[in-house]
PDB file of all heavy atoms in Angstrom:
ATOM      1  N   PRO A   1      11.525  -4.123  27.858  1.00  0.00           N
ATOM      2  CA  PRO A   1      10.083  -4.031  27.602  1.00  0.00           C
ATOM      3  C   PRO A   1       9.469  -5.372  27.222  1.00  0.00           C
ATOM      4  O   PRO A   1      10.154  -6.291  26.761  1.00  0.00           O
ATOM      5  CB  PRO A   1      10.020  -3.062  26.420  1.00  0.00           C
ATOM      6  CG  PRO A   1      11.309  -3.300  25.686  1.00  0.00           C
ATOM      7  CD  PRO A   1      12.334  -3.554  26.755  1.00  0.00           C
ATOM      8  N   VAL A   2       8.168  -5.465  27.417  1.00  0.00           N
ATOM      9  CA  VAL A   2       7.369  -6.514  26.793  1.00  0.00           C
ATOM     10  C   VAL A   2       7.098  -6.063  25.360  1.00  0.00           C
ATOM     11  O   VAL A   2       6.831  -4.891  25.109  1.00  0.00           O
ATOM     12  CB  VAL A   2       6.028  -6.696  27.528  1.00  0.00           C
ATOM     13  CG1 VAL A   2       5.203  -7.792  26.863  1.00  0.00           C
ATOM     14  CG2 VAL A   2       6.258  -6.977  29.002  1.00  0.00           C
ATOM     15  N   ARG A   3       7.168  -6.980  24.406  1.00  0.00           N
ATOM     16  CA  ARG A   3       6.901  -6.608  23.023  1.00  0.00           C
ATOM     17  C   ARG A   3       6.017  -7.652  22.356  1.00  0.00           C
ATOM     18  O   ARG A   3       6.223  -8.851  22.514  1.00  0.00           O
ATOM     19  CB  ARG A   3       8.190  -6.457  22.216  1.00  0.00           C
ATOM     20  CG  ARG A   3       7.931  -6.079  20.753  1.00  0.00           C
ATOM     21  CD  ARG A   3       9.202  -6.010  19.940  1.00  0.00           C
ATOM     22  NE  ARG A   3       9.909  -7.298  19.917  1.00  0.00           N
ATOM     23  CZ  ARG A   3      11.053  -7.503  19.258  1.00  0.00           C
ATOM     24  NH1 ARG A   3      11.616  -6.517  18.595  1.00  0.00           N
ATOM     25  NH2 ARG A   3      11.630  -8.690  19.291  1.00  0.00           N
ATOM     26  N   VAL A   4       5.052  -7.163  21.600  1.00  0.00           N
ATOM     27  CA  VAL A   4       4.195  -8.013  20.775  1.00  0.00           C
ATOM     28  C   VAL A   4       4.269  -7.485  19.359  1.00  0.00           C
ATOM     29  O   VAL A   4       4.070  -6.283  19.124  1.00  0.00           O
ATOM     30  CB  VAL A   4       2.736  -8.009  21.273  1.00  0.00           C
ATOM     31  CG1 VAL A   4       1.849  -8.789  20.316  1.00  0.00           C
ATOM     32  CG2 VAL A   4       2.653  -8.588  22.681  1.00  0.00           C
ATOM     33  N   ARG A   5       4.553  -8.360  18.387  1.00  0.00           N
ATOM     34  CA  ARG A   5       4.563  -7.988  16.973  1.00  0.00           C
ATOM     35  C   ARG A   5       3.798  -9.040  16.186  1.00  0.00           C
ATOM     36  O   ARG A   5       3.815 -10.221  16.535  1.00  0.00           O
ATOM     37  CB  ARG A   5       5.995  -7.891  16.420  1.00  0.00           C
ATOM     38  CG  ARG A   5       6.838  -6.819  17.042  1.00  0.00           C
ATOM     39  CD  ARG A   5       8.170  -6.673  16.326  1.00  0.00           C
ATOM     40  NE  ARG A   5       9.013  -7.861  16.458  1.00  0.00           N
ATOM     41  CZ  ARG A   5      10.234  -7.970  15.912  1.00  0.00           C
ATOM     42  NH1 ARG A   5      10.726  -6.983  15.178  1.00  0.00           N
ATOM     43  NH2 ARG A   5      10.949  -9.072  16.070  1.00  0.00           N
ATOM     44  N   THR A   6       3.167  -8.600  15.121  1.00  0.00           N
ATOM     45  CA  THR A   6       2.433  -9.534  14.279  1.00  0.00           C
ATOM     46  C   THR A   6       2.341  -9.001  12.864  1.00  0.00           C
ATOM     47  O   THR A   6       2.405  -7.785  12.640  1.00  0.00           O
ATOM     48  CB  THR A   6       1.020  -9.796  14.834  1.00  0.00           C
ATOM     49  OG1 THR A   6       0.323 -10.694  13.961  1.00  0.00           O
ATOM     50  CG2 THR A   6       0.244  -8.504  14.950  1.00  0.00           C
ATOM     51  N   LEU A   7       2.185  -9.894  11.906  1.00  0.00           N
ATOM     52  CA  LEU A   7       2.057  -9.517  10.499  1.00  0.00           C
ATOM     53  C   LEU A   7       0.648  -9.101  10.129  1.00  0.00           C
ATOM     54  O   LEU A   7       0.437  -8.452   9.105  1.00  0.00           O
ATOM     55  CB  LEU A   7       2.467 -10.694   9.598  1.00  0.00           C
ATOM     56  CG  LEU A   7       3.919 -11.130   9.669  1.00  0.00           C
ATOM     57  CD1 LEU A   7       4.149 -12.279   8.702  1.00  0.00           C
ATOM     58  CD2 LEU A   7       4.843  -9.982   9.353  1.00  0.00           C
ATOM     59  N   THR A   8      -0.332  -9.481  10.937  1.00  0.00           N
ATOM     60  CA  THR A   8      -1.710  -9.155  10.582  1.00  0.00           C
ATOM     61  C   THR A   8      -1.958  -7.661  10.772  1.00  0.00           C
ATOM     62  O   THR A   8      -1.344  -7.019  11.625  1.00  0.00           O
ATOM     63  CB  THR A   8      -2.697  -9.942  11.446  1.00  0.00           C
ATOM     64  OG1 THR A   8      -2.491  -9.612  12.823  1.00  0.00           O
ATOM     65  CG2 THR A   8      -2.515 -11.428  11.250  1.00  0.00           C
ATOM     66  N   PRO A   9      -2.848  -7.075   9.993  1.00  0.00           N
ATOM     67  CA  PRO A   9      -3.156  -5.655  10.170  1.00  0.00           C
ATOM     68  C   PRO A   9      -3.714  -5.383  11.558  1.00  0.00           C
ATOM     69  O   PRO A   9      -4.463  -6.199  12.115  1.00  0.00           O
ATOM     70  CB  PRO A   9      -4.195  -5.383   9.084  1.00  0.00           C
ATOM     71  CG  PRO A   9      -4.029  -6.464   8.077  1.00  0.00           C
ATOM     72  CD  PRO A   9      -3.581  -7.659   8.853  1.00  0.00           C
ATOM     73  N   ALA A  10      -3.381  -4.230  12.090  1.00  0.00           N
ATOM     74  CA  ALA A  10      -3.833  -3.895  13.443  1.00  0.00           C
ATOM     75  C   ALA A  10      -5.356  -3.858  13.535  1.00  0.00           C
ATOM     76  O   ALA A  10      -5.934  -4.196  14.575  1.00  0.00           O
ATOM     77  CB  ALA A  10      -3.235  -2.553  13.857  1.00  0.00           C
ATOM     78  N   TRP A  11      -6.018  -3.437  12.445  1.00  0.00           N
ATOM     79  CA  TRP A  11      -7.465  -3.250  12.528  1.00  0.00           C
ATOM     80  C   TRP A  11      -8.235  -4.549  12.685  1.00  0.00           C
ATOM     81  O   TRP A  11      -9.389  -4.538  13.110  1.00  0.00           O
ATOM     82  CB  TRP A  11      -7.974  -2.479  11.314  1.00  0.00           C
ATOM     83  CG  TRP A  11      -7.841  -3.188  10.001  1.00  0.00           C
ATOM     84  CD1 TRP A  11      -8.610  -4.201   9.524  1.00  0.00           C
ATOM     85  CD2 TRP A  11      -6.867  -2.932   8.970  1.00  0.00           C
ATOM     86  NE1 TRP A  11      -8.187  -4.600   8.273  1.00  0.00           N
ATOM     87  CE2 TRP A  11      -7.128  -3.817   7.905  1.00  0.00           C
ATOM     88  CE3 TRP A  11      -5.813  -2.013   8.841  1.00  0.00           C
ATOM     89  CZ2 TRP A  11      -6.368  -3.843   6.739  1.00  0.00           C
ATOM     90  CZ3 TRP A  11      -5.060  -2.032   7.682  1.00  0.00           C
ATOM     91  CH2 TRP A  11      -5.332  -2.935   6.648  1.00  0.00           C
ATOM     92  N   SER A  12      -7.622  -5.692  12.349  1.00  0.00           N
ATOM     93  CA  SER A  12      -8.358  -6.959  12.409  1.00  0.00           C
ATOM     94  C   SER A  12      -7.784  -7.930  13.431  1.00  0.00           C
ATOM     95  O   SER A  12      -8.237  -9.071  13.502  1.00  0.00           O
ATOM     96  CB  SER A  12      -8.367  -7.626  11.026  1.00  0.00           C
ATOM     97  OG  SER A  12      -7.041  -7.953  10.618  1.00  0.00           O
ATOM     98  N   ASN A  13      -6.820  -7.500  14.221  1.00  0.00           N
ATOM     99  CA  ASN A  13      -6.159  -8.418  15.142  1.00  0.00           C
ATOM    100  C   ASN A  13      -6.956  -8.547  16.440  1.00  0.00           C
ATOM    101  O   ASN A  13      -7.060  -7.586  17.214  1.00  0.00           O
ATOM    102  CB  ASN A  13      -4.740  -7.943  15.438  1.00  0.00           C
ATOM    103  CG  ASN A  13      -3.945  -8.984  16.196  1.00  0.00           C
ATOM    104  OD1 ASN A  13      -4.057  -9.088  17.409  1.00  0.00           O
ATOM    105  ND2 ASN A  13      -3.143  -9.759  15.476  1.00  0.00           N
ATOM    106  N   GLN A  14      -7.513  -9.713  16.674  1.00  0.00           N
ATOM    107  CA  GLN A  14      -8.339  -9.913  17.857  1.00  0.00           C
ATOM    108  C   GLN A  14      -7.509 -10.041  19.138  1.00  0.00           C
ATOM    109  O   GLN A  14      -7.991  -9.726  20.232  1.00  0.00           O
ATOM    110  CB  GLN A  14      -9.214 -11.164  17.668  1.00  0.00           C
ATOM    111  CG  GLN A  14     -10.231 -11.010  16.547  1.00  0.00           C
ATOM    112  CD  GLN A  14     -11.125  -9.803  16.743  1.00  0.00           C
ATOM    113  OE1 GLN A  14     -11.736  -9.643  17.797  1.00  0.00           O
ATOM    114  NE2 GLN A  14     -11.186  -8.935  15.735  1.00  0.00           N
ATOM    115  N   ASN A  15      -6.271 -10.525  19.023  1.00  0.00           N
ATOM    116  CA  ASN A  15      -5.424 -10.589  20.209  1.00  0.00           C
ATOM    117  C   ASN A  15      -5.178  -9.197  20.781  1.00  0.00           C
ATOM    118  O   ASN A  15      -5.197  -8.998  22.003  1.00  0.00           O
ATOM    119  CB  ASN A  15      -4.092 -11.258  19.874  1.00  0.00           C
ATOM    120  CG  ASN A  15      -4.230 -12.737  19.626  1.00  0.00           C
ATOM    121  OD1 ASN A  15      -5.085 -13.396  20.215  1.00  0.00           O
ATOM    122  ND2 ASN A  15      -3.397 -13.276  18.750  1.00  0.00           N
ATOM    123  N   LEU A  16      -4.944  -8.220  19.907  1.00  0.00           N
ATOM    124  CA  LEU A  16      -4.747  -6.845  20.358  1.00  0.00           C
ATOM    125  C   LEU A  16      -5.967  -6.356  21.126  1.00  0.00           C
ATOM    126  O   LEU A  16      -5.844  -5.741  22.192  1.00  0.00           O
ATOM    127  CB  LEU A  16      -4.469  -5.949  19.159  1.00  0.00           C
ATOM    128  CG  LEU A  16      -4.434  -4.435  19.432  1.00  0.00           C
ATOM    129  CD1 LEU A  16      -3.299  -4.086  20.383  1.00  0.00           C
ATOM    130  CD2 LEU A  16      -4.286  -3.671  18.122  1.00  0.00           C
ATOM    131  N   ARG A  17      -7.151  -6.626  20.611  1.00  0.00           N
ATOM    132  CA  ARG A  17      -8.368  -6.166  21.277  1.00  0.00           C
ATOM    133  C   ARG A  17      -8.605  -6.879  22.601  1.00  0.00           C
ATOM    134  O   ARG A  17      -9.333  -6.375  23.468  1.00  0.00           O
ATOM    135  CB  ARG A  17      -9.565  -6.353  20.344  1.00  0.00           C
ATOM    136  CG  ARG A  17      -9.446  -5.493  19.092  1.00  0.00           C
ATOM    137  CD  ARG A  17     -10.644  -5.616  18.166  1.00  0.00           C
ATOM    138  NE  ARG A  17     -10.430  -4.808  16.976  1.00  0.00           N
ATOM    139  CZ  ARG A  17     -10.662  -3.504  16.897  1.00  0.00           C
ATOM    140  NH1 ARG A  17     -11.139  -2.866  17.958  1.00  0.00           N
ATOM    141  NH2 ARG A  17     -10.441  -2.842  15.788  1.00  0.00           N
ATOM    142  N   SER A  18      -7.962  -8.019  22.782  1.00  0.00           N
ATOM    143  CA  SER A  18      -8.096  -8.750  24.033  1.00  0.00           C
ATOM    144  C   SER A  18      -7.157  -8.223  25.110  1.00  0.00           C
ATOM    145  O   SER A  18      -7.576  -7.981  26.250  1.00  0.00           O
ATOM    146  CB  SER A  18      -7.838 -10.242  23.797  1.00  0.00           C
ATOM    147  OG  SER A  18      -7.880 -10.962  25.013  1.00  0.00           O
ATOM    148  N   PHE A  19      -5.866  -8.011  24.758  1.00  0.00           N
ATOM    149  CA  PHE A  19      -4.917  -7.633  25.810  1.00  0.00           C
ATOM    150  C   PHE A  19      -4.798  -6.126  26.030  1.00  0.00           C
ATOM    151  O   PHE A  19      -4.425  -5.692  27.118  1.00  0.00           O
ATOM    152  CB  PHE A  19      -3.534  -8.246  25.567  1.00  0.00           C
ATOM    153  CG  PHE A  19      -2.736  -7.670  24.433  1.00  0.00           C
ATOM    154  CD1 PHE A  19      -2.117  -6.432  24.524  1.00  0.00           C
ATOM    155  CD2 PHE A  19      -2.539  -8.397  23.260  1.00  0.00           C
ATOM    156  CE1 PHE A  19      -1.352  -5.915  23.487  1.00  0.00           C
ATOM    157  CE2 PHE A  19      -1.785  -7.889  22.211  1.00  0.00           C
ATOM    158  CZ  PHE A  19      -1.190  -6.642  22.329  1.00  0.00           C
ATOM    159  N   ALA A  20      -5.107  -5.309  25.026  1.00  0.00           N
ATOM    160  CA  ALA A  20      -4.907  -3.868  25.161  1.00  0.00           C
ATOM    161  C   ALA A  20      -5.697  -3.244  26.312  1.00  0.00           C
ATOM    162  O   ALA A  20      -5.182  -2.356  27.004  1.00  0.00           O
ATOM    163  CB  ALA A  20      -5.226  -3.162  23.847  1.00  0.00           C
ATOM    164  N   PRO A  21      -6.926  -3.665  26.594  1.00  0.00           N
ATOM    165  CA  PRO A  21      -7.651  -3.037  27.698  1.00  0.00           C
ATOM    166  C   PRO A  21      -7.135  -3.407  29.089  1.00  0.00           C
ATOM    167  O   PRO A  21      -7.471  -2.732  30.069  1.00  0.00           O
ATOM    168  CB  PRO A  21      -9.088  -3.552  27.515  1.00  0.00           C
ATOM    169  CG  PRO A  21      -9.170  -3.992  26.093  1.00  0.00           C
ATOM    170  CD  PRO A  21      -7.805  -4.532  25.791  1.00  0.00           C
ATOM    171  N   VAL A  22      -6.328  -4.457  29.202  1.00  0.00           N
ATOM    172  CA  VAL A  22      -5.901  -4.917  30.530  1.00  0.00           C
ATOM    173  C   VAL A  22      -4.400  -4.788  30.752  1.00  0.00           C
ATOM    174  O   VAL A  22      -3.928  -5.006  31.879  1.00  0.00           O
ATOM    175  CB  VAL A  22      -6.324  -6.383  30.760  1.00  0.00           C
ATOM    176  CG1 VAL A  22      -7.840  -6.482  30.761  1.00  0.00           C
ATOM    177  CG2 VAL A  22      -5.733  -7.321  29.717  1.00  0.00           C
ATOM    178  N   ALA A  23      -3.628  -4.465  29.728  1.00  0.00           N
ATOM    179  CA  ALA A  23      -2.182  -4.249  29.890  1.00  0.00           C
ATOM    180  C   ALA A  23      -1.951  -2.792  30.263  1.00  0.00           C
ATOM    181  O   ALA A  23      -2.346  -1.884  29.529  1.00  0.00           O
ATOM    182  CB  ALA A  23      -1.441  -4.611  28.610  1.00  0.00           C
ATOM    183  N   LEU A  24      -1.309  -2.549  31.395  1.00  0.00           N
ATOM    184  CA  LEU A  24      -1.080  -1.206  31.914  1.00  0.00           C
ATOM    185  C   LEU A  24       0.397  -0.872  31.886  1.00  0.00           C
ATOM    186  O   LEU A  24       1.242  -1.722  32.196  1.00  0.00           O
ATOM    187  CB  LEU A  24      -1.595  -1.079  33.346  1.00  0.00           C
ATOM    188  CG  LEU A  24      -3.070  -1.375  33.608  1.00  0.00           C
ATOM    189  CD1 LEU A  24      -3.359  -1.279  35.092  1.00  0.00           C
ATOM    190  CD2 LEU A  24      -3.947  -0.412  32.833  1.00  0.00           C
ATOM    191  N   SER A  25       0.726   0.379  31.551  1.00  0.00           N
ATOM    192  CA  SER A  25       2.125   0.802  31.541  1.00  0.00           C
ATOM    193  C   SER A  25       2.210   2.317  31.578  1.00  0.00           C
ATOM    194  O   SER A  25       1.316   3.020  31.103  1.00  0.00           O
ATOM    195  CB  SER A  25       2.842   0.270  30.293  1.00  0.00           C
ATOM    196  OG  SER A  25       4.195   0.706  30.264  1.00  0.00           O
ATOM    197  N   GLY A  26       3.331   2.798  32.126  1.00  0.00           N
ATOM    198  CA  GLY A  26       3.629   4.220  32.104  1.00  0.00           C
ATOM    199  C   GLY A  26       4.520   4.617  30.953  1.00  0.00           C
ATOM    200  O   GLY A  26       4.821   5.808  30.778  1.00  0.00           O
ATOM    201  N   CYS A  27       4.946   3.649  30.141  1.00  0.00           N
ATOM    202  CA  CYS A  27       5.760   3.930  28.957  1.00  0.00           C
ATOM    203  C   CYS A  27       5.388   2.935  27.876  1.00  0.00           C
ATOM    204  O   CYS A  27       5.579   1.725  28.041  1.00  0.00           O
ATOM    205  CB  CYS A  27       7.251   3.848  29.278  1.00  0.00           C
ATOM    206  SG  CYS A  27       8.317   4.298  27.885  1.00  0.00           S
ATOM    207  N   ILE A  28       4.854   3.444  26.784  1.00  0.00           N
ATOM    208  CA  ILE A  28       4.317   2.607  25.714  1.00  0.00           C
ATOM    209  C   ILE A  28       4.796   3.146  24.377  1.00  0.00           C
ATOM    210  O   ILE A  28       4.794   4.367  24.158  1.00  0.00           O
ATOM    211  CB  ILE A  28       2.771   2.619  25.732  1.00  0.00           C
ATOM    212  CG1 ILE A  28       2.235   2.155  27.095  1.00  0.00           C
ATOM    213  CG2 ILE A  28       2.204   1.752  24.609  1.00  0.00           C
ATOM    214  CD1 ILE A  28       0.780   2.523  27.321  1.00  0.00           C
ATOM    215  N   VAL A  29       5.187   2.254  23.472  1.00  0.00           N
ATOM    216  CA  VAL A  29       5.517   2.619  22.097  1.00  0.00           C
ATOM    217  C   VAL A  29       4.811   1.633  21.174  1.00  0.00           C
ATOM    218  O   VAL A  29       4.931   0.418  21.352  1.00  0.00           O
ATOM    219  CB  VAL A  29       7.036   2.584  21.827  1.00  0.00           C
ATOM    220  CG1 VAL A  29       7.326   2.885  20.355  1.00  0.00           C
ATOM    221  CG2 VAL A  29       7.771   3.575  22.719  1.00  0.00           C
ATOM    222  N   ALA A  30       4.075   2.154  20.196  1.00  0.00           N
ATOM    223  CA  ALA A  30       3.358   1.287  19.261  1.00  0.00           C
ATOM    224  C   ALA A  30       3.533   1.820  17.847  1.00  0.00           C
ATOM    225  O   ALA A  30       3.743   3.012  17.631  1.00  0.00           O
ATOM    226  CB  ALA A  30       1.882   1.208  19.622  1.00  0.00           C
ATOM    227  N   HIS A  31       3.397   0.914  16.867  1.00  0.00           N
ATOM    228  CA  HIS A  31       3.741   1.248  15.486  1.00  0.00           C
ATOM    229  C   HIS A  31       2.889   0.422  14.539  1.00  0.00           C
ATOM    230  O   HIS A  31       2.661  -0.774  14.768  1.00  0.00           O
ATOM    231  CB  HIS A  31       5.231   0.923  15.272  1.00  0.00           C
ATOM    232  CG  HIS A  31       5.780   1.275  13.928  1.00  0.00           C
ATOM    233  ND1 HIS A  31       5.608   0.480  12.820  1.00  0.00           N
ATOM    234  CD2 HIS A  31       6.541   2.323  13.518  1.00  0.00           C
ATOM    235  CE1 HIS A  31       6.226   1.028  11.786  1.00  0.00           C
ATOM    236  NE2 HIS A  31       6.802   2.148  12.171  1.00  0.00           N
ATOM    237  N   VAL A  32       2.386   1.048  13.476  1.00  0.00           N
ATOM    238  CA  VAL A  32       1.736   0.323  12.379  1.00  0.00           C
ATOM    239  C   VAL A  32       2.566   0.563  11.126  1.00  0.00           C
ATOM    240  O   VAL A  32       3.007   1.678  10.860  1.00  0.00           O
ATOM    241  CB  VAL A  32       0.270   0.746  12.182  1.00  0.00           C
ATOM    242  CG1 VAL A  32      -0.574   0.260  13.342  1.00  0.00           C
ATOM    243  CG2 VAL A  32       0.119   2.257  12.004  1.00  0.00           C
ATOM    244  N   ARG A  33       2.771  -0.495  10.347  1.00  0.00           N
ATOM    245  CA  ARG A  33       3.769  -0.460   9.281  1.00  0.00           C
ATOM    246  C   ARG A  33       3.160  -0.447   7.893  1.00  0.00           C
ATOM    247  O   ARG A  33       2.212  -1.194   7.608  1.00  0.00           O
ATOM    248  CB  ARG A  33       4.700  -1.673   9.409  1.00  0.00           C
ATOM    249  CG  ARG A  33       5.844  -1.681   8.385  1.00  0.00           C
ATOM    250  CD  ARG A  33       6.755  -2.878   8.567  1.00  0.00           C
ATOM    251  NE  ARG A  33       7.873  -2.819   7.612  1.00  0.00           N
ATOM    252  CZ  ARG A  33       8.280  -3.835   6.854  1.00  0.00           C
ATOM    253  NH1 ARG A  33       7.688  -5.012   6.962  1.00  0.00           N
ATOM    254  NH2 ARG A  33       9.295  -3.687   6.019  1.00  0.00           N
ATOM    255  N   ALA A  34       3.717   0.395   7.048  1.00  0.00           N
ATOM    256  CA  ALA A  34       3.530   0.315   5.608  1.00  0.00           C
ATOM    257  C   ALA A  34       4.915   0.051   5.031  1.00  0.00           C
ATOM    258  O   ALA A  34       5.779   0.929   5.037  1.00  0.00           O
ATOM    259  CB  ALA A  34       2.948   1.605   5.047  1.00  0.00           C
ATOM    260  N   ALA A  35       5.168  -1.156   4.582  1.00  0.00           N
ATOM    261  CA  ALA A  35       6.510  -1.572   4.186  1.00  0.00           C
ATOM    262  C   ALA A  35       7.028  -0.734   3.027  1.00  0.00           C
ATOM    263  O   ALA A  35       6.308  -0.442   2.066  1.00  0.00           O
ATOM    264  CB  ALA A  35       6.511  -3.046   3.805  1.00  0.00           C
ATOM    265  N   SER A  36       8.296  -0.340   3.110  1.00  0.00           N
ATOM    266  CA  SER A  36       8.932   0.363   2.005  1.00  0.00           C
ATOM    267  C   SER A  36       9.046  -0.571   0.806  1.00  0.00           C
ATOM    268  O   SER A  36       9.213  -1.790   0.974  1.00  0.00           O
ATOM    269  CB  SER A  36      10.331   0.848   2.417  1.00  0.00           C
ATOM    270  OG  SER A  36      10.254   1.768   3.484  1.00  0.00           O
TER     271      SER A  36
END
């Protein structure tokens, strides 16, 4: 898979808002973290 990870919160990440509308896939897994 292609994978993108970042420490910034998902709600404020501008890179996500840039690539998400144009990246296409038939299998996707995404995760938002609250550290234990």
